[in-house]
Amino acid sequence: MRDSLRFETAPGLIAVSPDGRRGFLNSASRGAVSVVDLTANRVVGAIQTGGGAVFGMGFSPDGKRLYAATSGKVVVIDTER
Protein backbone atom coordinates (compact mmCIF):
# COMPACT_ATOMS: atom_id res chain seq x y z
CA MET A 1 0.00 0.00 0.00
CA ARG A 2 1.36 3.39 -0.98
CA ASP A 3 -0.87 5.69 1.07
CA SER A 4 -4.36 6.02 2.53
CA LEU A 5 -6.99 8.64 3.33
CA ARG A 6 -9.36 8.76 6.28
CA PHE A 7 -13.04 9.64 6.02
CA GLU A 8 -15.70 10.37 8.65
CA THR A 9 -17.97 7.75 7.11
CA ALA A 10 -17.06 4.74 5.02
CA PRO A 11 -16.94 5.51 1.29
CA GLY A 12 -18.55 2.89 -0.90
CA LEU A 13 -17.92 4.02 -4.47
CA ILE A 14 -15.25 5.95 -6.31
CA ALA A 15 -15.46 7.55 -9.74
CA VAL A 16 -12.13 8.71 -11.16
CA SER A 17 -12.19 11.68 -13.53
CA PRO A 18 -11.25 10.87 -17.14
CA ASP A 19 -7.95 12.79 -16.73
CA GLY A 20 -7.12 10.76 -13.59
CA ARG A 21 -6.53 13.84 -11.43
CA ARG A 22 -9.62 13.70 -9.20
CA GLY A 23 -11.63 11.04 -7.48
CA PHE A 24 -15.23 11.44 -6.35
CA LEU A 25 -16.23 9.21 -3.42
CA ASN A 26 -19.70 8.67 -2.09
CA SER A 27 -20.56 8.65 1.57
CA ALA A 28 -22.27 5.49 2.68
CA SER A 29 -24.57 7.36 5.06
CA ARG A 30 -24.55 11.06 4.11
CA GLY A 31 -25.90 12.81 1.05
CA ALA A 32 -22.50 13.99 -0.10
CA VAL A 33 -19.72 13.25 -2.56
CA SER A 34 -16.14 13.89 -1.41
CA VAL A 35 -13.69 15.31 -3.95
CA VAL A 36 -10.13 13.96 -3.74
CA ASP A 37 -7.10 15.42 -5.50
CA LEU A 38 -5.44 12.18 -6.56
CA THR A 39 -2.15 13.87 -7.45
CA ALA A 40 -1.79 15.30 -3.92
CA ASN A 41 -3.70 12.44 -2.25
CA ARG A 42 -5.93 14.71 -0.18
CA VAL A 43 -9.60 15.57 0.17
CA VAL A 44 -10.23 19.00 -1.34
CA GLY A 45 -13.97 19.35 -0.87
CA ALA A 46 -17.42 17.86 -0.51
CA ILE A 47 -20.51 18.31 -2.64
CA GLN A 48 -23.91 17.98 -0.99
CA THR A 49 -26.35 16.03 -3.15
CA GLY A 50 -29.46 17.10 -1.28
CA GLY A 51 -30.58 13.53 -0.86
CA GLY A 52 -29.71 10.33 0.90
CA ALA A 53 -26.86 7.99 0.19
CA VAL A 54 -25.34 7.93 -3.29
CA PHE A 55 -25.86 4.52 -4.90
CA GLY A 56 -24.04 5.00 -8.21
CA MET A 57 -21.93 7.53 -10.11
CA GLY A 58 -20.78 8.01 -13.68
CA PHE A 59 -19.18 10.71 -15.83
CA SER A 60 -20.43 12.35 -18.98
CA PRO A 61 -18.24 11.42 -21.99
CA ASP A 62 -16.36 14.76 -21.79
CA GLY A 63 -15.85 14.47 -17.99
CA LYS A 64 -17.50 17.82 -17.29
CA ARG A 65 -20.42 16.34 -15.38
CA LEU A 66 -20.76 13.60 -12.80
CA TYR A 67 -24.14 11.93 -12.43
CA ALA A 68 -24.88 10.66 -8.92
CA ALA A 69 -27.88 8.40 -8.27
CA THR A 70 -29.46 9.08 -4.88
CA SER A 71 -32.74 8.09 -3.28
CA GLY A 72 -35.35 8.92 -5.92
CA LYS A 73 -33.28 11.23 -8.13
CA VAL A 74 -30.12 11.69 -10.17
CA VAL A 75 -27.98 14.70 -9.23
CA VAL A 76 -25.87 16.35 -11.93
CA ILE A 77 -22.57 17.72 -10.58
CA ASP A 78 -20.44 20.23 -12.50
CA THR A 79 -16.93 18.81 -12.12
CA GLU A 80 -15.20 21.91 -13.46
CA ARG A 81 -15.99 24.05 -10.43
PDB file of N, CA and C in Angstrom:
ATOM      1  N   MET A   1       0.850  -1.170   0.000  1.00  0.00           N
ATOM      2  CA  MET A   1       0.000   0.000   0.000  1.00  0.00           C
ATOM      3  C   MET A   1       0.895   1.233   0.000  1.00  0.00           C
ATOM      4  N   ARG A   2       0.568   2.167  -0.858  1.00  0.00           N
ATOM      5  CA  ARG A   2       1.361   3.388  -0.977  1.00  0.00           C
ATOM      6  C   ARG A   2       0.945   4.457   0.010  1.00  0.00           C
ATOM      7  N   ASP A   3      -0.363   4.638   0.191  1.00  0.00           N
ATOM      8  CA  ASP A   3      -0.871   5.690   1.068  1.00  0.00           C
ATOM      9  C   ASP A   3      -2.340   5.418   1.344  1.00  0.00           C
ATOM     10  N   SER A   4      -2.928   6.175   2.244  1.00  0.00           N
ATOM     11  CA  SER A   4      -4.357   6.023   2.526  1.00  0.00           C
ATOM     12  C   SER A   4      -4.933   7.361   2.971  1.00  0.00           C
ATOM     13  N   LEU A   5      -6.249   7.461   2.884  1.00  0.00           N
ATOM     14  CA  LEU A   5      -6.991   8.641   3.330  1.00  0.00           C
ATOM     15  C   LEU A   5      -8.030   8.206   4.339  1.00  0.00           C
ATOM     16  N   ARG A   6      -8.328   9.057   5.295  1.00  0.00           N
ATOM     17  CA  ARG A   6      -9.358   8.756   6.282  1.00  0.00           C
ATOM     18  C   ARG A   6     -10.601   9.598   5.996  1.00  0.00           C
ATOM     19  N   PHE A   7     -11.765   8.979   6.206  1.00  0.00           N
ATOM     20  CA  PHE A   7     -13.044   9.642   6.015  1.00  0.00           C
ATOM     21  C   PHE A   7     -13.892   9.478   7.268  1.00  0.00           C
ATOM     22  N   GLU A   8     -14.801  10.445   7.496  1.00  0.00           N
ATOM     23  CA  GLU A   8     -15.699  10.368   8.654  1.00  0.00           C
ATOM     24  C   GLU A   8     -16.630   9.174   8.547  1.00  0.00           C
ATOM     25  N   THR A   9     -17.115   8.906   7.346  1.00  0.00           N
ATOM     26  CA  THR A   9     -17.968   7.748   7.110  1.00  0.00           C
ATOM     27  C   THR A   9     -17.345   6.906   6.008  1.00  0.00           C
ATOM     28  N   ALA A  10     -17.673   5.645   5.987  1.00  0.00           N
ATOM     29  CA  ALA A  10     -17.057   4.736   5.019  1.00  0.00           C
ATOM     30  C   ALA A  10     -17.513   5.038   3.599  1.00  0.00           C
ATOM     31  N   PRO A  11     -16.566   5.326   2.692  1.00  0.00           N
ATOM     32  CA  PRO A  11     -16.944   5.505   1.292  1.00  0.00           C
ATOM     33  C   PRO A  11     -17.264   4.151   0.683  1.00  0.00           C
ATOM     34  N   GLY A  12     -18.169   4.150  -0.275  1.00  0.00           N
ATOM     35  CA  GLY A  12     -18.554   2.891  -0.901  1.00  0.00           C
ATOM     36  C   GLY A  12     -18.194   2.818  -2.369  1.00  0.00           C
ATOM     37  N   LEU A  13     -18.198   3.968  -3.044  1.00  0.00           N
ATOM     38  CA  LEU A  13     -17.920   4.019  -4.473  1.00  0.00           C
ATOM     39  C   LEU A  13     -16.890   5.090  -4.765  1.00  0.00           C
ATOM     40  N   ILE A  14     -16.131   4.896  -5.833  1.00  0.00           N
ATOM     41  CA  ILE A  14     -15.246   5.950  -6.311  1.00  0.00           C
ATOM     42  C   ILE A  14     -15.385   6.037  -7.821  1.00  0.00           C
ATOM     43  N   ALA A  15     -15.466   7.279  -8.305  1.00  0.00           N
ATOM     44  CA  ALA A  15     -15.459   7.549  -9.740  1.00  0.00           C
ATOM     45  C   ALA A  15     -14.238   8.426  -9.990  1.00  0.00           C
ATOM     46  N   VAL A  16     -13.349   7.970 -10.862  1.00  0.00           N
ATOM     47  CA  VAL A  16     -12.126   8.710 -11.165  1.00  0.00           C
ATOM     48  C   VAL A  16     -12.366   9.519 -12.433  1.00  0.00           C
ATOM     49  N   SER A  17     -11.995  10.803 -12.380  1.00  0.00           N
ATOM     50  CA  SER A  17     -12.187  11.677 -13.533  1.00  0.00           C
ATOM     51  C   SER A  17     -11.421  11.129 -14.732  1.00  0.00           C
ATOM     52  N   PRO A  18     -11.914  11.404 -15.942  1.00  0.00           N
ATOM     53  CA  PRO A  18     -11.248  10.874 -17.138  1.00  0.00           C
ATOM     54  C   PRO A  18      -9.763  11.250 -17.238  1.00  0.00           C
ATOM     55  N   ASP A  19      -9.362  12.398 -16.683  1.00  0.00           N
ATOM     56  CA  ASP A  19      -7.951  12.790 -16.731  1.00  0.00           C
ATOM     57  C   ASP A  19      -7.138  12.162 -15.595  1.00  0.00           C
ATOM     58  N   GLY A  20      -7.799  11.455 -14.674  1.00  0.00           N
ATOM     59  CA  GLY A  20      -7.119  10.757 -13.589  1.00  0.00           C
ATOM     60  C   GLY A  20      -6.649  11.638 -12.451  1.00  0.00           C
ATOM     61  N   ARG A  21      -7.013  12.915 -12.466  1.00  0.00           N
ATOM     62  CA  ARG A  21      -6.526  13.840 -11.434  1.00  0.00           C
ATOM     63  C   ARG A  21      -7.413  13.906 -10.199  1.00  0.00           C
ATOM     64  N   ARG A  22      -8.717  13.607 -10.343  1.00  0.00           N
ATOM     65  CA  ARG A  22      -9.622  13.703  -9.197  1.00  0.00           C
ATOM     66  C   ARG A  22     -10.454  12.441  -9.050  1.00  0.00           C
ATOM     67  N   GLY A  23     -10.737  12.143  -7.787  1.00  0.00           N
ATOM     68  CA  GLY A  23     -11.632  11.042  -7.477  1.00  0.00           C
ATOM     69  C   GLY A  23     -12.838  11.594  -6.746  1.00  0.00           C
ATOM     70  N   PHE A  24     -13.998  11.029  -7.011  1.00  0.00           N
ATOM     71  CA  PHE A  24     -15.234  11.435  -6.354  1.00  0.00           C
ATOM     72  C   PHE A  24     -15.746  10.212  -5.601  1.00  0.00           C
ATOM     73  N   LEU A  25     -15.838  10.333  -4.270  1.00  0.00           N
ATOM     74  CA  LEU A  25     -16.227   9.211  -3.425  1.00  0.00           C
ATOM     75  C   LEU A  25     -17.560   9.495  -2.763  1.00  0.00           C
ATOM     76  N   ASN A  26     -18.430   8.492  -2.769  1.00  0.00           N
ATOM     77  CA  ASN A  26     -19.705   8.674  -2.092  1.00  0.00           C
ATOM     78  C   ASN A  26     -19.546   8.436  -0.604  1.00  0.00           C
ATOM     79  N   SER A  27     -20.490   8.931   0.142  1.00  0.00           N
ATOM     80  CA  SER A  27     -20.555   8.654   1.570  1.00  0.00           C
ATOM     81  C   SER A  27     -21.642   7.606   1.760  1.00  0.00           C
ATOM     82  N   ALA A  28     -21.315   6.576   2.488  1.00  0.00           N
ATOM     83  CA  ALA A  28     -22.269   5.490   2.677  1.00  0.00           C
ATOM     84  C   ALA A  28     -23.511   5.923   3.452  1.00  0.00           C
ATOM     85  N   SER A  29     -23.411   6.989   4.237  1.00  0.00           N
ATOM     86  CA  SER A  29     -24.566   7.364   5.059  1.00  0.00           C
ATOM     87  C   SER A  29     -25.004   8.821   4.909  1.00  0.00           C
ATOM     88  N   ARG A  30     -24.184   9.655   4.271  1.00  0.00           N
ATOM     89  CA  ARG A  30     -24.547  11.063   4.112  1.00  0.00           C
ATOM     90  C   ARG A  30     -24.857  11.357   2.655  1.00  0.00           C
ATOM     91  N   GLY A  31     -25.596  12.398   2.412  1.00  0.00           N
ATOM     92  CA  GLY A  31     -25.903  12.811   1.050  1.00  0.00           C
ATOM     93  C   GLY A  31     -24.817  13.711   0.512  1.00  0.00           C
ATOM     94  N   ALA A  32     -23.622  13.181   0.354  1.00  0.00           N
ATOM     95  CA  ALA A  32     -22.498  13.994  -0.103  1.00  0.00           C
ATOM     96  C   ALA A  32     -21.538  13.155  -0.932  1.00  0.00           C
ATOM     97  N   VAL A  33     -20.789  13.852  -1.784  1.00  0.00           N
ATOM     98  CA  VAL A  33     -19.718  13.247  -2.560  1.00  0.00           C
ATOM     99  C   VAL A  33     -18.442  13.998  -2.194  1.00  0.00           C
ATOM    100  N   SER A  34     -17.432  13.276  -1.727  1.00  0.00           N
ATOM    101  CA  SER A  34     -16.142  13.888  -1.405  1.00  0.00           C
ATOM    102  C   SER A  34     -15.299  13.984  -2.667  1.00  0.00           C
ATOM    103  N   VAL A  35     -14.577  15.094  -2.799  1.00  0.00           N
ATOM    104  CA  VAL A  35     -13.689  15.309  -3.945  1.00  0.00           C
ATOM    105  C   VAL A  35     -12.255  15.135  -3.460  1.00  0.00           C
ATOM    106  N   VAL A  36     -11.510  14.256  -4.122  1.00  0.00           N
ATOM    107  CA  VAL A  36     -10.134  13.959  -3.737  1.00  0.00           C
ATOM    108  C   VAL A  36      -9.201  14.345  -4.878  1.00  0.00           C
ATOM    109  N   ASP A  37      -8.178  15.124  -4.552  1.00  0.00           N
ATOM    110  CA  ASP A  37      -7.105  15.416  -5.496  1.00  0.00           C
ATOM    111  C   ASP A  37      -6.185  14.205  -5.475  1.00  0.00           C
ATOM    112  N   LEU A  38      -6.202  13.425  -6.535  1.00  0.00           N
ATOM    113  CA  LEU A  38      -5.437  12.185  -6.556  1.00  0.00           C
ATOM    114  C   LEU A  38      -3.951  12.424  -6.764  1.00  0.00           C
ATOM    115  N   THR A  39      -3.571  13.581  -7.282  1.00  0.00           N
ATOM    116  CA  THR A  39      -2.153  13.874  -7.450  1.00  0.00           C
ATOM    117  C   THR A  39      -1.515  14.251  -6.120  1.00  0.00           C
ATOM    118  N   ALA A  40      -2.292  14.910  -5.245  1.00  0.00           N
ATOM    119  CA  ALA A  40      -1.794  15.302  -3.923  1.00  0.00           C
ATOM    120  C   ALA A  40      -2.242  14.330  -2.834  1.00  0.00           C
ATOM    121  N   ASN A  41      -3.157  13.422  -3.186  1.00  0.00           N
ATOM    122  CA  ASN A  41      -3.699  12.438  -2.248  1.00  0.00           C
ATOM    123  C   ASN A  41      -4.333  13.094  -1.021  1.00  0.00           C
ATOM    124  N   ARG A  42      -5.233  14.057  -1.292  1.00  0.00           N
ATOM    125  CA  ARG A  42      -5.929  14.709  -0.181  1.00  0.00           C
ATOM    126  C   ARG A  42      -7.336  15.100  -0.598  1.00  0.00           C
ATOM    127  N   VAL A  43      -8.210  15.141   0.382  1.00  0.00           N
ATOM    128  CA  VAL A  43      -9.599  15.566   0.166  1.00  0.00           C
ATOM    129  C   VAL A  43      -9.608  17.081   0.005  1.00  0.00           C
ATOM    130  N   VAL A  44     -10.223  17.566  -1.073  1.00  0.00           N
ATOM    131  CA  VAL A  44     -10.234  19.000  -1.343  1.00  0.00           C
ATOM    132  C   VAL A  44     -11.627  19.616  -1.241  1.00  0.00           C
ATOM    133  N   GLY A  45     -12.635  18.802  -1.010  1.00  0.00           N
ATOM    134  CA  GLY A  45     -13.973  19.352  -0.870  1.00  0.00           C
ATOM    135  C   GLY A  45     -15.031  18.289  -0.757  1.00  0.00           C
ATOM    136  N   ALA A  46     -16.252  18.747  -0.572  1.00  0.00           N
ATOM    137  CA  ALA A  46     -17.415  17.864  -0.512  1.00  0.00           C
ATOM    138  C   ALA A  46     -18.569  18.557  -1.210  1.00  0.00           C
ATOM    139  N   ILE A  47     -19.358  17.795  -1.916  1.00  0.00           N
ATOM    140  CA  ILE A  47     -20.515  18.312  -2.638  1.00  0.00           C
ATOM    141  C   ILE A  47     -21.758  17.670  -2.050  1.00  0.00           C
ATOM    142  N   GLN A  48     -22.652  18.484  -1.533  1.00  0.00           N
ATOM    143  CA  GLN A  48     -23.913  17.981  -0.995  1.00  0.00           C
ATOM    144  C   GLN A  48     -24.843  17.629  -2.153  1.00  0.00           C
ATOM    145  N   THR A  49     -25.455  16.459  -2.078  1.00  0.00           N
ATOM    146  CA  THR A  49     -26.348  16.032  -3.151  1.00  0.00           C
ATOM    147  C   THR A  49     -27.804  16.360  -2.858  1.00  0.00           C
ATOM    148  N   GLY A  50     -28.088  16.763  -1.624  1.00  0.00           N
ATOM    149  CA  GLY A  50     -29.462  17.104  -1.278  1.00  0.00           C
ATOM    150  C   GLY A  50     -30.370  15.902  -1.125  1.00  0.00           C
ATOM    151  N   GLY A  51     -29.790  14.746  -1.015  1.00  0.00           N
ATOM    152  CA  GLY A  51     -30.579  13.526  -0.858  1.00  0.00           C
ATOM    153  C   GLY A  51     -29.902  12.580   0.103  1.00  0.00           C
ATOM    154  N   GLY A  52     -30.309  11.352   0.044  1.00  0.00           N
ATOM    155  CA  GLY A  52     -29.713  10.334   0.903  1.00  0.00           C
ATOM    156  C   GLY A  52     -28.415   9.827   0.326  1.00  0.00           C
ATOM    157  N   ALA A  53     -28.102   8.609   0.640  1.00  0.00           N
ATOM    158  CA  ALA A  53     -26.857   7.992   0.192  1.00  0.00           C
ATOM    159  C   ALA A  53     -26.785   7.944  -1.333  1.00  0.00           C
ATOM    160  N   VAL A  54     -25.583   8.040  -1.850  1.00  0.00           N
ATOM    161  CA  VAL A  54     -25.339   7.932  -3.291  1.00  0.00           C
ATOM    162  C   VAL A  54     -25.121   6.457  -3.614  1.00  0.00           C
ATOM    163  N   PHE A  55     -25.902   5.941  -4.570  1.00  0.00           N
ATOM    164  CA  PHE A  55     -25.857   4.521  -4.904  1.00  0.00           C
ATOM    165  C   PHE A  55     -25.038   4.205  -6.154  1.00  0.00           C
ATOM    166  N   GLY A  56     -24.794   5.209  -6.978  1.00  0.00           N
ATOM    167  CA  GLY A  56     -24.036   4.998  -8.208  1.00  0.00           C
ATOM    168  C   GLY A  56     -23.579   6.327  -8.771  1.00  0.00           C
ATOM    169  N   MET A  57     -22.460   6.311  -9.512  1.00  0.00           N
ATOM    170  CA  MET A  57     -21.927   7.530 -10.111  1.00  0.00           C
ATOM    171  C   MET A  57     -21.330   7.208 -11.467  1.00  0.00           C
ATOM    172  N   GLY A  58     -21.400   8.172 -12.367  1.00  0.00           N
ATOM    173  CA  GLY A  58     -20.780   8.013 -13.679  1.00  0.00           C
ATOM    174  C   GLY A  58     -20.571   9.371 -14.326  1.00  0.00           C
ATOM    175  N   PHE A  59     -19.532   9.465 -15.164  1.00  0.00           N
ATOM    176  CA  PHE A  59     -19.182  10.714 -15.827  1.00  0.00           C
ATOM    177  C   PHE A  59     -19.847  10.835 -17.187  1.00  0.00           C
ATOM    178  N   SER A  60     -20.050  12.086 -17.600  1.00  0.00           N
ATOM    179  CA  SER A  60     -20.429  12.353 -18.981  1.00  0.00           C
ATOM    180  C   SER A  60     -19.201  12.027 -19.838  1.00  0.00           C
ATOM    181  N   PRO A  61     -19.385  11.782 -21.142  1.00  0.00           N
ATOM    182  CA  PRO A  61     -18.240  11.424 -21.987  1.00  0.00           C
ATOM    183  C   PRO A  61     -17.093  12.448 -21.960  1.00  0.00           C
ATOM    184  N   ASP A  62     -17.413  13.737 -21.807  1.00  0.00           N
ATOM    185  CA  ASP A  62     -16.362  14.759 -21.786  1.00  0.00           C
ATOM    186  C   ASP A  62     -15.797  15.001 -20.388  1.00  0.00           C
ATOM    187  N   GLY A  63     -16.346  14.338 -19.361  1.00  0.00           N
ATOM    188  CA  GLY A  63     -15.850  14.466 -17.994  1.00  0.00           C
ATOM    189  C   GLY A  63     -16.256  15.740 -17.278  1.00  0.00           C
ATOM    190  N   LYS A  64     -17.107  16.546 -17.898  1.00  0.00           N
ATOM    191  CA  LYS A  64     -17.499  17.822 -17.295  1.00  0.00           C
ATOM    192  C   LYS A  64     -18.624  17.689 -16.279  1.00  0.00           C
ATOM    193  N   ARG A  65     -19.332  16.564 -16.311  1.00  0.00           N
ATOM    194  CA  ARG A  65     -20.425  16.340 -15.376  1.00  0.00           C
ATOM    195  C   ARG A  65     -20.313  14.943 -14.765  1.00  0.00           C
ATOM    196  N   LEU A  66     -20.679  14.876 -13.503  1.00  0.00           N
ATOM    197  CA  LEU A  66     -20.756  13.599 -12.800  1.00  0.00           C
ATOM    198  C   LEU A  66     -22.219  13.398 -12.429  1.00  0.00           C
ATOM    199  N   TYR A  67     -22.758  12.251 -12.756  1.00  0.00           N
ATOM    200  CA  TYR A  67     -24.139  11.926 -12.427  1.00  0.00           C
ATOM    201  C   TYR A  67     -24.118  11.018 -11.204  1.00  0.00           C
ATOM    202  N   ALA A  68     -24.843  11.427 -10.165  1.00  0.00           N
ATOM    203  CA  ALA A  68     -24.882  10.661  -8.920  1.00  0.00           C
ATOM    204  C   ALA A  68     -26.321  10.236  -8.639  1.00  0.00           C
ATOM    205  N   ALA A  69     -26.548   8.937  -8.557  1.00  0.00           N
ATOM    206  CA  ALA A  69     -27.880   8.402  -8.271  1.00  0.00           C
ATOM    207  C   ALA A  69     -28.089   8.361  -6.765  1.00  0.00           C
ATOM    208  N   THR A  70     -29.114   9.075  -6.293  1.00  0.00           N
ATOM    209  CA  THR A  70     -29.457   9.083  -4.878  1.00  0.00           C
ATOM    210  C   THR A  70     -30.866   8.527  -4.725  1.00  0.00           C
ATOM    211  N   SER A  71     -31.396   8.594  -3.540  1.00  0.00           N
ATOM    212  CA  SER A  71     -32.745   8.091  -3.282  1.00  0.00           C
ATOM    213  C   SER A  71     -33.770   8.890  -4.081  1.00  0.00           C
ATOM    214  N   GLY A  72     -34.269   8.313  -5.156  1.00  0.00           N
ATOM    215  CA  GLY A  72     -35.354   8.915  -5.925  1.00  0.00           C
ATOM    216  C   GLY A  72     -34.958   9.964  -6.937  1.00  0.00           C
ATOM    217  N   LYS A  73     -33.661  10.239  -7.134  1.00  0.00           N
ATOM    218  CA  LYS A  73     -33.277  11.227  -8.134  1.00  0.00           C
ATOM    219  C   LYS A  73     -31.837  11.010  -8.578  1.00  0.00           C
ATOM    220  N   VAL A  74     -31.498  11.666  -9.684  1.00  0.00           N
ATOM    221  CA  VAL A  74     -30.122  11.689 -10.168  1.00  0.00           C
ATOM    222  C   VAL A  74     -29.653  13.138 -10.083  1.00  0.00           C
ATOM    223  N   VAL A  75     -28.543  13.364  -9.410  1.00  0.00           N
ATOM    224  CA  VAL A  75     -27.982  14.697  -9.229  1.00  0.00           C
ATOM    225  C   VAL A  75     -26.877  14.886 -10.258  1.00  0.00           C
ATOM    226  N   VAL A  76     -26.898  16.030 -10.939  1.00  0.00           N
ATOM    227  CA  VAL A  76     -25.866  16.347 -11.935  1.00  0.00           C
ATOM    228  C   VAL A  76     -24.881  17.318 -11.277  1.00  0.00           C
ATOM    229  N   ILE A  77     -23.618  16.934 -11.237  1.00  0.00           N
ATOM    230  CA  ILE A  77     -22.566  17.723 -10.584  1.00  0.00           C
ATOM    231  C   ILE A  77     -21.621  18.275 -11.635  1.00  0.00           C
ATOM    232  N   ASP A  78     -21.403  19.583 -11.606  1.00  0.00           N
ATOM    233  CA  ASP A  78     -20.442  20.231 -12.496  1.00  0.00           C
ATOM    234  C   ASP A  78     -19.047  19.972 -11.942  1.00  0.00           C
ATOM    235  N   THR A  79     -18.240  19.183 -12.645  1.00  0.00           N
ATOM    236  CA  THR A  79     -16.929  18.811 -12.117  1.00  0.00           C
ATOM    237  C   THR A  79     -15.853  19.856 -12.407  1.00  0.00           C
ATOM    238  N   GLU A  80     -16.187  20.882 -13.143  1.00  0.00           N
ATOM    239  CA  GLU A  80     -15.198  21.914 -13.463  1.00  0.00           C
ATOM    240  C   GLU A  80     -15.169  23.044 -12.454  1.00  0.00           C
ATOM    241  N   ARG A  81     -15.988  23.005 -11.464  1.00  0.00           N
ATOM    242  CA  ARG A  81     -15.994  24.045 -10.427  1.00  0.00           C
ATOM    243  C   ARG A  81     -14.906  23.812  -9.426  1.00  0.00           C
TER     244      ARG A  81
END
